[in-house]
Amino acid sequence: MHIPDGFLDPLVAGLFWLGSGIAIGIAVRRARGELGDERTPLLGVVAAGIFAAQMLNWPIPGGTSAHFVGGAFAGILLGPSLGILAMTAVVTIQALVFGDGGIIALGGNLFAMAVVDVLVGYGLFRAFSGFHETGAAFVAGWGAITVSALAVGVGVGASSAFAYELGVTVPIMVVGHALLGLIEGAITAAVYGYVANARPNLVVGRVDDALSPEVSA
């Protein structure tokens, strides 16, 4: 999922940076009202857990790799704004400290994993949690990583700097992550089930949650 440097054209990389910057800026602005409540320390805990889980990578064809992303879980538990900020911290530290993903390509990695993954996962959970919450968490984890992989496939395939075009990158990324997304969905559902039973008041994505201004707005 992490895009290395040299895979994106300057124009594509710039567009990713622009999209990520706008989304993260909005998240920072909206998250100000939530800082100081009980979810603030939870943000660090969630980010640390996802950071550790993301260190396990499985290579897939075409020069890319797959791993547990966790953006859907961050969105469900923290809400879209804090979820984006948590994933932004994770992806940025991985790139700057561990070299997992390029610096120029960081905008693309942030867009896929910190923006798309969080927002799609949160949206899917909100859409289906009224029917079955654990099932909705599974769908959120699976759907979010699949759409994120689509964003990566389109960005890489649209770049002449990469050896393969859209007809190769999109199917490889989407199909590969749709299959591995079953694991992502299962992990998301399992961890969600534990947290929802132990501390249901911490789950922002629940339809009946009245704690978060993002949900009640």
C-alpha atoms as a PDB file:
ATOM      1  CA  MET A   1       0.000   0.000   0.000  1.00  0.00           C
ATOM      2  CA  HIS A   2       2.923   2.373   0.663  1.00  0.00           C
ATOM      3  CA  ILE A   3       4.044   4.025  -2.571  1.00  0.00           C
ATOM      4  CA  PRO A   4       7.848   4.389  -2.886  1.00  0.00           C
ATOM      5  CA  ASP A   5       9.468   7.437  -4.438  1.00  0.00           C
ATOM      6  CA  GLY A   6       9.905   7.170  -8.192  1.00  0.00           C
ATOM      7  CA  PHE A   7       6.494   5.599  -8.758  1.00  0.00           C
ATOM      8  CA  LEU A   8       4.586   8.886  -9.181  1.00  0.00           C
ATOM      9  CA  ASP A   9       4.966  11.715 -11.678  1.00  0.00           C
ATOM     10  CA  PRO A  10       5.436  15.176 -10.120  1.00  0.00           C
ATOM     11  CA  LEU A  11       1.948  16.213 -11.256  1.00  0.00           C
ATOM     12  CA  VAL A  12       0.253  13.150  -9.735  1.00  0.00           C
ATOM     13  CA  ALA A  13       2.310  13.460  -6.559  1.00  0.00           C
ATOM     14  CA  GLY A  14       1.372  17.142  -6.335  1.00  0.00           C
ATOM     15  CA  LEU A  15      -2.325  16.415  -6.748  1.00  0.00           C
ATOM     16  CA  PHE A  16      -2.119  13.825  -3.981  1.00  0.00           C
ATOM     17  CA  TRP A  17      -0.371  16.357  -1.723  1.00  0.00           C
ATOM     18  CA  LEU A  18      -3.069  18.920  -2.487  1.00  0.00           C
ATOM     19  CA  GLY A  19      -5.921  16.539  -1.731  1.00  0.00           C
ATOM     20  CA  SER A  20      -4.265  15.271   1.441  1.00  0.00           C
ATOM     21  CA  GLY A  21      -3.428  18.785   2.624  1.00  0.00           C
ATOM     22  CA  ILE A  22      -7.003  19.985   2.222  1.00  0.00           C
ATOM     23  CA  ALA A  23      -8.479  16.950   3.984  1.00  0.00           C
ATOM     24  CA  ILE A  24      -5.978  17.044   6.852  1.00  0.00           C
ATOM     25  CA  GLY A  25      -6.456  20.783   7.257  1.00  0.00           C
ATOM     26  CA  ILE A  26     -10.218  20.332   7.566  1.00  0.00           C
ATOM     27  CA  ALA A  27      -9.666  17.485  10.027  1.00  0.00           C
ATOM     28  CA  VAL A  28      -7.416  19.658  12.202  1.00  0.00           C
ATOM     29  CA  ARG A  29      -9.997  22.425  12.238  1.00  0.00           C
ATOM     30  CA  ARG A  30     -12.876  20.117  13.112  1.00  0.00           C
ATOM     31  CA  ALA A  31     -10.882  18.164  15.694  1.00  0.00           C
ATOM     32  CA  ARG A  32     -10.174  21.236  17.843  1.00  0.00           C
ATOM     33  CA  GLY A  33     -13.535  20.917  19.537  1.00  0.00           C
ATOM     34  CA  GLU A  34     -12.806  17.299  20.480  1.00  0.00           C
ATOM     35  CA  LEU A  35      -9.350  17.805  21.979  1.00  0.00           C
ATOM     36  CA  GLY A  36      -9.394  17.534  25.736  1.00  0.00           C
ATOM     37  CA  ASP A  37     -12.147  14.923  26.026  1.00  0.00           C
ATOM     38  CA  GLU A  38     -11.580  11.241  26.774  1.00  0.00           C
ATOM     39  CA  ARG A  39     -10.812  10.451  23.139  1.00  0.00           C
ATOM     40  CA  THR A  40      -7.606  12.526  23.126  1.00  0.00           C
ATOM     41  CA  PRO A  41      -5.468   9.902  24.940  1.00  0.00           C
ATOM     42  CA  LEU A  42      -7.302   7.223  22.950  1.00  0.00           C
ATOM     43  CA  LEU A  43      -5.981   8.844  19.771  1.00  0.00           C
ATOM     44  CA  GLY A  44      -2.426   8.011  20.811  1.00  0.00           C
ATOM     45  CA  VAL A  45      -3.325   4.463  21.791  1.00  0.00           C
ATOM     46  CA  VAL A  46      -5.098   3.804  18.481  1.00  0.00           C
ATOM     47  CA  ALA A  47      -2.263   5.351  16.465  1.00  0.00           C
ATOM     48  CA  ALA A  48       0.347   3.260  18.287  1.00  0.00           C
ATOM     49  CA  GLY A  49      -1.604   0.041  17.772  1.00  0.00           C
ATOM     50  CA  ILE A  50      -2.143   0.685  14.077  1.00  0.00           C
ATOM     51  CA  PHE A  51       1.511   1.694  13.678  1.00  0.00           C
ATOM     52  CA  ALA A  52       2.653  -1.653  15.048  1.00  0.00           C
ATOM     53  CA  ALA A  53       0.145  -3.622  12.960  1.00  0.00           C
ATOM     54  CA  GLN A  54       1.197  -1.851   9.748  1.00  0.00           C
ATOM     55  CA  MET A  55       4.784  -3.020  10.117  1.00  0.00           C
ATOM     56  CA  LEU A  56       3.732  -6.463   8.846  1.00  0.00           C
ATOM     57  CA  ASN A  57       3.815  -6.371   5.019  1.00  0.00           C
ATOM     58  CA  TRP A  58       2.911  -9.021   2.430  1.00  0.00           C
ATOM     59  CA  PRO A  59       4.351  -8.476  -1.098  1.00  0.00           C
ATOM     60  CA  ILE A  60       1.955  -8.727  -4.041  1.00  0.00           C
ATOM     61  CA  PRO A  61       2.772  -8.674  -7.794  1.00  0.00           C
ATOM     62  CA  GLY A  62       3.603  -5.429  -9.568  1.00  0.00           C
ATOM     63  CA  GLY A  63       6.094  -3.970  -7.090  1.00  0.00           C
ATOM     64  CA  THR A  64       3.559  -3.248  -4.357  1.00  0.00           C
ATOM     65  CA  SER A  65       2.723  -4.735  -0.972  1.00  0.00           C
ATOM     66  CA  ALA A  66      -0.265  -5.203   1.293  1.00  0.00           C
ATOM     67  CA  HIS A  67      -0.709  -4.970   5.055  1.00  0.00           C
ATOM     68  CA  PHE A  68      -3.276  -4.189   7.713  1.00  0.00           C
ATOM     69  CA  VAL A  69      -4.119  -0.506   7.278  1.00  0.00           C
ATOM     70  CA  GLY A  70      -6.470   0.237  10.163  1.00  0.00           C
ATOM     71  CA  GLY A  71      -7.963   3.452   8.817  1.00  0.00           C
ATOM     72  CA  ALA A  72     -11.495   2.114   9.036  1.00  0.00           C
ATOM     73  CA  PHE A  73     -11.018   1.147  12.663  1.00  0.00           C
ATOM     74  CA  ALA A  74      -9.551   4.578  13.439  1.00  0.00           C
ATOM     75  CA  GLY A  75     -12.550   6.262  11.824  1.00  0.00           C
ATOM     76  CA  ILE A  76     -15.060   4.070  13.641  1.00  0.00           C
ATOM     77  CA  LEU A  77     -13.463   4.552  17.034  1.00  0.00           C
ATOM     78  CA  LEU A  78     -12.270   8.164  16.810  1.00  0.00           C
ATOM     79  CA  GLY A  79     -14.524   9.699  14.186  1.00  0.00           C
ATOM     80  CA  PRO A  80     -13.378  11.004  10.789  1.00  0.00           C
ATOM     81  CA  SER A  81     -11.371  14.009  11.989  1.00  0.00           C
ATOM     82  CA  LEU A  82      -9.377  12.382  14.785  1.00  0.00           C
ATOM     83  CA  GLY A  83      -9.147   9.233  12.689  1.00  0.00           C
ATOM     84  CA  ILE A  84      -7.486  11.170   9.862  1.00  0.00           C
ATOM     85  CA  LEU A  85      -5.069  12.788  12.318  1.00  0.00           C
ATOM     86  CA  ALA A  86      -4.160   9.435  13.890  1.00  0.00           C
ATOM     87  CA  MET A  87      -3.490   7.852  10.502  1.00  0.00           C
ATOM     88  CA  THR A  88      -1.565  10.936   9.347  1.00  0.00           C
ATOM     89  CA  ALA A  89       0.791  10.514  12.295  1.00  0.00           C
ATOM     90  CA  VAL A  90       1.227   6.793  11.609  1.00  0.00           C
ATOM     91  CA  VAL A  91       1.926   7.110   7.874  1.00  0.00           C
ATOM     92  CA  THR A  92       4.211  10.138   8.295  1.00  0.00           C
ATOM     93  CA  ILE A  93       6.367   8.550  11.009  1.00  0.00           C
ATOM     94  CA  GLN A  94       6.674   5.361   8.982  1.00  0.00           C
ATOM     95  CA  ALA A  95       7.921   7.338   5.977  1.00  0.00           C
ATOM     96  CA  LEU A  96      10.303   9.663   7.834  1.00  0.00           C
ATOM     97  CA  VAL A  97      11.736   7.221  10.366  1.00  0.00           C
ATOM     98  CA  PHE A  98      11.420   3.780   8.799  1.00  0.00           C
ATOM     99  CA  GLY A  99      11.485   4.619   5.086  1.00  0.00           C
ATOM    100  CA  ASP A 100       8.158   2.823   4.561  1.00  0.00           C
ATOM    101  CA  GLY A 101       6.874   4.783   1.567  1.00  0.00           C
ATOM    102  CA  GLY A 102       8.597   7.669  -0.182  1.00  0.00           C
ATOM    103  CA  ILE A 103       8.830  11.285   0.930  1.00  0.00           C
ATOM    104  CA  ILE A 104       7.681  12.742  -2.398  1.00  0.00           C
ATOM    105  CA  ALA A 105       5.002  10.048  -2.530  1.00  0.00           C
ATOM    106  CA  LEU A 106       3.941  10.752   1.062  1.00  0.00           C
ATOM    107  CA  GLY A 107       1.006  12.836  -0.167  1.00  0.00           C
ATOM    108  CA  GLY A 108      -0.282   9.820  -2.064  1.00  0.00           C
ATOM    109  CA  ASN A 109       0.143   7.508   0.895  1.00  0.00           C
ATOM    110  CA  LEU A 110      -1.590   9.976   3.190  1.00  0.00           C
ATOM    111  CA  PHE A 111      -4.441  10.358   0.716  1.00  0.00           C
ATOM    112  CA  ALA A 112      -4.966   6.598   0.441  1.00  0.00           C
ATOM    113  CA  MET A 113      -4.460   5.511   4.039  1.00  0.00           C
ATOM    114  CA  ALA A 114      -5.175   8.590   6.162  1.00  0.00           C
ATOM    115  CA  VAL A 115      -7.996  10.141   4.143  1.00  0.00           C
ATOM    116  CA  VAL A 116      -9.755   7.652   1.862  1.00  0.00           C
ATOM    117  CA  ASP A 117      -9.414   4.672   4.189  1.00  0.00           C
ATOM    118  CA  VAL A 118     -10.716   6.569   7.216  1.00  0.00           C
ATOM    119  CA  LEU A 119     -13.603   8.322   5.466  1.00  0.00           C
ATOM    120  CA  VAL A 120     -14.786   5.285   3.499  1.00  0.00           C
ATOM    121  CA  GLY A 121     -14.530   3.045   6.552  1.00  0.00           C
ATOM    122  CA  TYR A 122     -16.394   5.506   8.760  1.00  0.00           C
ATOM    123  CA  GLY A 123     -19.074   6.048   6.107  1.00  0.00           C
ATOM    124  CA  LEU A 124     -19.650   2.342   5.525  1.00  0.00           C
ATOM    125  CA  PHE A 125     -19.884   1.630   9.227  1.00  0.00           C
ATOM    126  CA  ARG A 126     -22.383   4.434   9.738  1.00  0.00           C
ATOM    127  CA  ALA A 127     -24.413   3.202   6.774  1.00  0.00           C
ATOM    128  CA  PHE A 128     -24.686  -0.430   7.936  1.00  0.00           C
ATOM    129  CA  SER A 129     -24.325  -0.320  11.726  1.00  0.00           C
ATOM    130  CA  GLY A 130     -28.069   0.048  12.132  1.00  0.00           C
ATOM    131  CA  PHE A 131     -28.461  -3.491  10.782  1.00  0.00           C
ATOM    132  CA  HIS A 132     -25.561  -5.268  12.502  1.00  0.00           C
ATOM    133  CA  GLU A 133     -22.660  -3.425  14.120  1.00  0.00           C
ATOM    134  CA  THR A 134     -20.038  -6.165  13.972  1.00  0.00           C
ATOM    135  CA  GLY A 135     -20.969  -6.952  10.395  1.00  0.00           C
ATOM    136  CA  ALA A 136     -20.790  -3.258   9.581  1.00  0.00           C
ATOM    137  CA  ALA A 137     -17.270  -3.111  11.035  1.00  0.00           C
ATOM    138  CA  PHE A 138     -16.266  -6.003   8.771  1.00  0.00           C
ATOM    139  CA  VAL A 139     -17.732  -4.294   5.701  1.00  0.00           C
ATOM    140  CA  ALA A 140     -16.031  -1.036   6.695  1.00  0.00           C
ATOM    141  CA  GLY A 141     -12.612  -2.651   7.024  1.00  0.00           C
ATOM    142  CA  TRP A 142     -12.962  -4.576   3.768  1.00  0.00           C
ATOM    143  CA  GLY A 143     -14.472  -1.756   1.731  1.00  0.00           C
ATOM    144  CA  ALA A 144     -12.106   0.925   2.996  1.00  0.00           C
ATOM    145  CA  ILE A 145      -8.901  -0.924   2.140  1.00  0.00           C
ATOM    146  CA  THR A 146     -10.284  -1.898  -1.280  1.00  0.00           C
ATOM    147  CA  VAL A 147     -11.153   1.702  -2.194  1.00  0.00           C
ATOM    148  CA  SER A 148      -7.800   2.886  -0.829  1.00  0.00           C
ATOM    149  CA  ALA A 149      -6.055   0.346  -3.049  1.00  0.00           C
ATOM    150  CA  LEU A 150      -8.043   1.684  -5.994  1.00  0.00           C
ATOM    151  CA  ALA A 151      -6.728   5.202  -5.252  1.00  0.00           C
ATOM    152  CA  VAL A 152      -3.166   3.895  -5.178  1.00  0.00           C
ATOM    153  CA  GLY A 153      -3.647   1.884  -8.361  1.00  0.00           C
ATOM    154  CA  VAL A 154      -5.054   4.875 -10.223  1.00  0.00           C
ATOM    155  CA  GLY A 155      -2.305   7.202  -9.034  1.00  0.00           C
ATOM    156  CA  VAL A 156       0.523   4.820  -9.856  1.00  0.00           C
ATOM    157  CA  GLY A 157      -1.001   3.675 -13.134  1.00  0.00           C
ATOM    158  CA  ALA A 158      -1.588   7.248 -14.293  1.00  0.00           C
ATOM    159  CA  SER A 159       2.098   8.073 -13.771  1.00  0.00           C
ATOM    160  CA  SER A 160       4.436   7.541 -16.716  1.00  0.00           C
ATOM    161  CA  ALA A 161       7.251   7.090 -14.187  1.00  0.00           C
ATOM    162  CA  PHE A 162       5.835   3.679 -13.316  1.00  0.00           C
ATOM    163  CA  ALA A 163       6.409   0.706 -15.600  1.00  0.00           C
ATOM    164  CA  TYR A 164       2.759  -0.425 -15.664  1.00  0.00           C
ATOM    165  CA  GLU A 165      -0.372   1.399 -16.747  1.00  0.00           C
ATOM    166  CA  LEU A 166      -3.890   1.529 -15.300  1.00  0.00           C
ATOM    167  CA  GLY A 167      -4.920  -1.721 -16.949  1.00  0.00           C
ATOM    168  CA  VAL A 168      -2.360  -3.520 -14.797  1.00  0.00           C
ATOM    169  CA  THR A 169      -2.070  -1.481 -11.614  1.00  0.00           C
ATOM    170  CA  VAL A 170      -5.782  -1.109 -10.875  1.00  0.00           C
ATOM    171  CA  PRO A 171      -6.702  -4.821 -11.164  1.00  0.00           C
ATOM    172  CA  ILE A 172      -3.627  -5.916  -9.193  1.00  0.00           C
ATOM    173  CA  MET A 173      -4.193  -3.445  -6.393  1.00  0.00           C
ATOM    174  CA  VAL A 174      -7.986  -3.793  -6.193  1.00  0.00           C
ATOM    175  CA  VAL A 175      -8.207  -7.577  -6.538  1.00  0.00           C
ATOM    176  CA  GLY A 176      -5.240  -8.206  -4.273  1.00  0.00           C
ATOM    177  CA  HIS A 177      -6.496  -5.909  -1.544  1.00  0.00           C
ATOM    178  CA  ALA A 178     -10.108  -7.047  -1.935  1.00  0.00           C
ATOM    179  CA  LEU A 179      -8.945 -10.535  -1.038  1.00  0.00           C
ATOM    180  CA  LEU A 180      -6.610  -9.444   1.736  1.00  0.00           C
ATOM    181  CA  GLY A 181      -9.329  -7.030   2.797  1.00  0.00           C
ATOM    182  CA  LEU A 182     -11.231  -9.997   4.147  1.00  0.00           C
ATOM    183  CA  ILE A 183      -8.518 -10.243   6.801  1.00  0.00           C
ATOM    184  CA  GLU A 184      -8.659  -6.491   7.365  1.00  0.00           C
ATOM    185  CA  GLY A 185     -12.416  -6.698   7.794  1.00  0.00           C
ATOM    186  CA  ALA A 186     -12.170  -9.627  10.191  1.00  0.00           C
ATOM    187  CA  ILE A 187      -9.588  -7.866  12.363  1.00  0.00           C
ATOM    188  CA  THR A 188     -11.595  -4.641  12.321  1.00  0.00           C
ATOM    189  CA  ALA A 189     -14.761  -6.496  13.340  1.00  0.00           C
ATOM    190  CA  ALA A 190     -13.016  -8.463  16.084  1.00  0.00           C
ATOM    191  CA  VAL A 191     -11.339  -5.448  17.674  1.00  0.00           C
ATOM    192  CA  TYR A 192     -14.476  -3.361  17.281  1.00  0.00           C
ATOM    193  CA  GLY A 193     -16.537  -6.047  19.012  1.00  0.00           C
ATOM    194  CA  TYR A 194     -14.174  -6.059  21.974  1.00  0.00           C
ATOM    195  CA  VAL A 195     -14.118  -2.265  22.327  1.00  0.00           C
ATOM    196  CA  ALA A 196     -17.863  -1.925  21.803  1.00  0.00           C
ATOM    197  CA  ASN A 197     -18.550  -4.398  24.589  1.00  0.00           C
ATOM    198  CA  ALA A 198     -15.965  -2.991  26.999  1.00  0.00           C
ATOM    199  CA  ARG A 199     -16.379   0.743  26.364  1.00  0.00           C
ATOM    200  CA  PRO A 200     -19.324   1.405  24.021  1.00  0.00           C
ATOM    201  CA  ASN A 201     -19.231   5.137  24.795  1.00  0.00           C
ATOM    202  CA  LEU A 202     -15.878   5.437  23.005  1.00  0.00           C
ATOM    203  CA  VAL A 203     -17.179   4.341  19.603  1.00  0.00           C
ATOM    204  CA  VAL A 204     -17.944   7.495  17.624  1.00  0.00           C
ATOM    205  CA  GLY A 205     -19.308   5.672  14.594  1.00  0.00           C
ATOM    206  CA  ARG A 206     -22.321   4.193  16.359  1.00  0.00           C
ATOM    207  CA  VAL A 207     -25.615   5.532  15.097  1.00  0.00           C
ATOM    208  CA  ASP A 208     -26.899   6.159  18.618  1.00  0.00           C
ATOM    209  CA  ASP A 209     -23.713   7.935  19.791  1.00  0.00           C
ATOM    210  CA  ALA A 210     -24.501  11.439  20.989  1.00  0.00           C
ATOM    211  CA  LEU A 211     -21.046  12.245  22.375  1.00  0.00           C
ATOM    212  CA  SER A 212     -19.338  13.418  19.233  1.00  0.00           C
ATOM    213  CA  PRO A 213     -20.165  16.763  17.612  1.00  0.00           C
ATOM    214  CA  GLU A 214     -19.279  15.197  14.280  1.00  0.00           C
ATOM    215  CA  VAL A 215     -21.984  12.575  14.665  1.00  0.00           C
ATOM    216  CA  SER A 216     -24.674  14.741  16.163  1.00  0.00           C
ATOM    217  CA  ALA A 217     -24.124  17.596  13.708  1.00  0.00           C
END
